[in-house]
Amino acid sequence: MHAPNKVKSSINRMLLILRKLLFLSFPYYPVMIQLTFS
């Protein structure tokens, strides 16, 4: 019964990738906000 553990690890990996993407795209947030509300 290792399935839950596998799912947990894959979710953790996805969260790490999402966090990395958020960190990398952080400088572009003001630009995106300006584009959204222009």
PDB file of N, CA and C in Angstrom:
ATOM      1  N   MET A   1       0.846  -1.201   0.000  1.00  0.00           N
ATOM      2  CA  MET A   1       0.000   0.000   0.000  1.00  0.00           C
ATOM      3  C   MET A   1       0.882   1.253   0.000  1.00  0.00           C
ATOM      4  N   HIS A   2       1.632   1.445  -1.080  1.00  0.00           N
ATOM      5  CA  HIS A   2       2.518   2.608  -1.158  1.00  0.00           C
ATOM      6  C   HIS A   2       1.909   3.719  -2.013  1.00  0.00           C
ATOM      7  N   ALA A   3       0.659   3.520  -2.446  1.00  0.00           N
ATOM      8  CA  ALA A   3       0.064   4.502  -3.356  1.00  0.00           C
ATOM      9  C   ALA A   3      -0.092   5.887  -2.708  1.00  0.00           C
ATOM     10  N   PRO A   4      -0.649   5.990  -1.486  1.00  0.00           N
ATOM     11  CA  PRO A   4      -0.823   7.324  -0.889  1.00  0.00           C
ATOM     12  C   PRO A   4       0.502   8.073  -0.770  1.00  0.00           C
ATOM     13  N   ASN A   5       1.572   7.344  -0.406  1.00  0.00           N
ATOM     14  CA  ASN A   5       2.879   7.973  -0.265  1.00  0.00           C
ATOM     15  C   ASN A   5       3.353   8.521  -1.603  1.00  0.00           C
ATOM     16  N   LYS A   6       3.115   7.744  -2.666  1.00  0.00           N
ATOM     17  CA  LYS A   6       3.541   8.167  -4.006  1.00  0.00           C
ATOM     18  C   LYS A   6       2.787   9.427  -4.405  1.00  0.00           C
ATOM     19  N   VAL A   7       1.485   9.428  -4.153  1.00  0.00           N
ATOM     20  CA  VAL A   7       0.677  10.601  -4.492  1.00  0.00           C
ATOM     21  C   VAL A   7       1.168  11.811  -3.709  1.00  0.00           C
ATOM     22  N   LYS A   8       1.485  11.589  -2.428  1.00  0.00           N
ATOM     23  CA  LYS A   8       1.954  12.685  -1.584  1.00  0.00           C
ATOM     24  C   LYS A   8       3.251  13.266  -2.126  1.00  0.00           C
ATOM     25  N   SER A   9       4.169  12.400  -2.528  1.00  0.00           N
ATOM     26  CA  SER A   9       5.462  12.880  -3.028  1.00  0.00           C
ATOM     27  C   SER A   9       5.286  13.622  -4.348  1.00  0.00           C
ATOM     28  N   SER A  10       4.395  13.136  -5.204  1.00  0.00           N
ATOM     29  CA  SER A  10       4.185  13.818  -6.487  1.00  0.00           C
ATOM     30  C   SER A  10       3.544  15.182  -6.262  1.00  0.00           C
ATOM     31  N   ILE A  11       2.625  15.264  -5.287  1.00  0.00           N
ATOM     32  CA  ILE A  11       2.003  16.554  -4.973  1.00  0.00           C
ATOM     33  C   ILE A  11       3.058  17.513  -4.433  1.00  0.00           C
ATOM     34  N   ASN A  12       3.953  17.003  -3.574  1.00  0.00           N
ATOM     35  CA  ASN A  12       5.015  17.854  -3.042  1.00  0.00           C
ATOM     36  C   ASN A  12       5.903  18.363  -4.162  1.00  0.00           C
ATOM     37  N   ARG A  13       6.199  17.497  -5.124  1.00  0.00           N
ATOM     38  CA  ARG A  13       7.052  17.904  -6.240  1.00  0.00           C
ATOM     39  C   ARG A  13       6.356  19.001  -7.055  1.00  0.00           C
ATOM     40  N   MET A  14       5.050  18.836  -7.289  1.00  0.00           N
ATOM     41  CA  MET A  14       4.304  19.838  -8.042  1.00  0.00           C
ATOM     42  C   MET A  14       4.290  21.168  -7.300  1.00  0.00           C
ATOM     43  N   LEU A  15       4.131  21.115  -5.963  1.00  0.00           N
ATOM     44  CA  LEU A  15       4.127  22.344  -5.177  1.00  0.00           C
ATOM     45  C   LEU A  15       5.477  23.036  -5.252  1.00  0.00           C
ATOM     46  N   LEU A  16       6.554  22.252  -5.235  1.00  0.00           N
ATOM     47  CA  LEU A  16       7.895  22.838  -5.345  1.00  0.00           C
ATOM     48  C   LEU A  16       8.062  23.543  -6.682  1.00  0.00           C
ATOM     49  N   ILE A  17       7.595  22.900  -7.759  1.00  0.00           N
ATOM     50  CA  ILE A  17       7.715  23.501  -9.090  1.00  0.00           C
ATOM     51  C   ILE A  17       6.872  24.780  -9.166  1.00  0.00           C
ATOM     52  N   LEU A  18       5.659  24.734  -8.603  1.00  0.00           N
ATOM     53  CA  LEU A  18       4.806  25.919  -8.624  1.00  0.00           C
ATOM     54  C   LEU A  18       5.451  27.064  -7.857  1.00  0.00           C
ATOM     55  N   ARG A  19       6.057  26.725  -6.689  1.00  0.00           N
ATOM     56  CA  ARG A  19       6.711  27.750  -5.880  1.00  0.00           C
ATOM     57  C   ARG A  19       7.871  28.372  -6.647  1.00  0.00           C
ATOM     58  N   LYS A  20       8.615  27.522  -7.360  1.00  0.00           N
ATOM     59  CA  LYS A  20       9.751  28.015  -8.136  1.00  0.00           C
ATOM     60  C   LYS A  20       9.258  28.940  -9.247  1.00  0.00           C
ATOM     61  N   LEU A  21       8.153  28.549  -9.921  1.00  0.00           N
ATOM     62  CA  LEU A  21       7.606  29.382 -10.992  1.00  0.00           C
ATOM     63  C   LEU A  21       7.113  30.721 -10.444  1.00  0.00           C
ATOM     64  N   LEU A  22       6.447  30.676  -9.276  1.00  0.00           N
ATOM     65  CA  LEU A  22       5.977  31.918  -8.674  1.00  0.00           C
ATOM     66  C   LEU A  22       7.144  32.823  -8.332  1.00  0.00           C
ATOM     67  N   PHE A  23       8.217  32.225  -7.796  1.00  0.00           N
ATOM     68  CA  PHE A  23       9.391  33.006  -7.411  1.00  0.00           C
ATOM     69  C   PHE A  23      10.050  33.625  -8.634  1.00  0.00           C
ATOM     70  N   LEU A  24      10.097  32.861  -9.732  1.00  0.00           N
ATOM     71  CA  LEU A  24      10.740  33.364 -10.948  1.00  0.00           C
ATOM     72  C   LEU A  24       9.900  34.451 -11.613  1.00  0.00           C
ATOM     73  N   SER A  25       8.578  34.340 -11.534  1.00  0.00           N
ATOM     74  CA  SER A  25       7.714  35.311 -12.207  1.00  0.00           C
ATOM     75  C   SER A  25       7.375  36.495 -11.310  1.00  0.00           C
ATOM     76  N   PHE A  26       7.916  36.518 -10.078  1.00  0.00           N
ATOM     77  CA  PHE A  26       7.587  37.585  -9.131  1.00  0.00           C
ATOM     78  C   PHE A  26       7.880  38.981  -9.679  1.00  0.00           C
ATOM     79  N   PRO A  27       9.019  39.220 -10.348  1.00  0.00           N
ATOM     80  CA  PRO A  27       9.306  40.573 -10.858  1.00  0.00           C
ATOM     81  C   PRO A  27       8.310  41.044 -11.913  1.00  0.00           C
ATOM     82  N   TYR A  28       7.566  40.124 -12.516  1.00  0.00           N
ATOM     83  CA  TYR A  28       6.657  40.504 -13.597  1.00  0.00           C
ATOM     84  C   TYR A  28       5.242  40.799 -13.105  1.00  0.00           C
ATOM     85  N   TYR A  29       5.007  40.658 -11.796  1.00  0.00           N
ATOM     86  CA  TYR A  29       3.661  40.885 -11.287  1.00  0.00           C
ATOM     87  C   TYR A  29       3.148  42.302 -11.549  1.00  0.00           C
ATOM     88  N   PRO A  30       3.958  43.344 -11.313  1.00  0.00           N
ATOM     89  CA  PRO A  30       3.458  44.704 -11.605  1.00  0.00           C
ATOM     90  C   PRO A  30       3.093  44.881 -13.074  1.00  0.00           C
ATOM     91  N   VAL A  31       3.874  44.295 -13.967  1.00  0.00           N
ATOM     92  CA  VAL A  31       3.590  44.406 -15.400  1.00  0.00           C
ATOM     93  C   VAL A  31       2.276  43.715 -15.729  1.00  0.00           C
ATOM     94  N   MET A  32       2.073  42.528 -15.165  1.00  0.00           N
ATOM     95  CA  MET A  32       0.836  41.796 -15.440  1.00  0.00           C
ATOM     96  C   MET A  32      -0.362  42.554 -14.882  1.00  0.00           C
ATOM     97  N   ILE A  33      -0.190  43.157 -13.706  1.00  0.00           N
ATOM     98  CA  ILE A  33      -1.286  43.919 -13.105  1.00  0.00           C
ATOM     99  C   ILE A  33      -1.613  45.127 -13.973  1.00  0.00           C
ATOM    100  N   GLN A  34      -0.582  45.813 -14.469  1.00  0.00           N
ATOM    101  CA  GLN A  34      -0.819  46.966 -15.346  1.00  0.00           C
ATOM    102  C   GLN A  34      -1.537  46.541 -16.620  1.00  0.00           C
ATOM    103  N   LEU A  35      -1.122  45.411 -17.189  1.00  0.00           N
ATOM    104  CA  LEU A  35      -1.765  44.935 -18.414  1.00  0.00           C
ATOM    105  C   LEU A  35      -3.220  44.568 -18.149  1.00  0.00           C
ATOM    106  N   THR A  36      -3.473  43.992 -16.963  1.00  0.00           N
ATOM    107  CA  THR A  36      -4.830  43.561 -16.653  1.00  0.00           C
ATOM    108  C   THR A  36      -5.765  44.752 -16.489  1.00  0.00           C
ATOM    109  N   PHE A  37      -5.282  45.812 -15.843  1.00  0.00           N
ATOM    110  CA  PHE A  37      -6.157  46.941 -15.517  1.00  0.00           C
ATOM    111  C   PHE A  37      -5.988  48.123 -16.462  1.00  0.00           C
ATOM    112  N   SER A  38      -5.292  47.916 -17.567  1.00  0.00           N
ATOM    113  CA  SER A  38      -5.107  49.026 -18.508  1.00  0.00           C
ATOM    114  C   SER A  38      -6.324  49.150 -19.429  1.00  0.00           C
TER     115      SER A  38
END
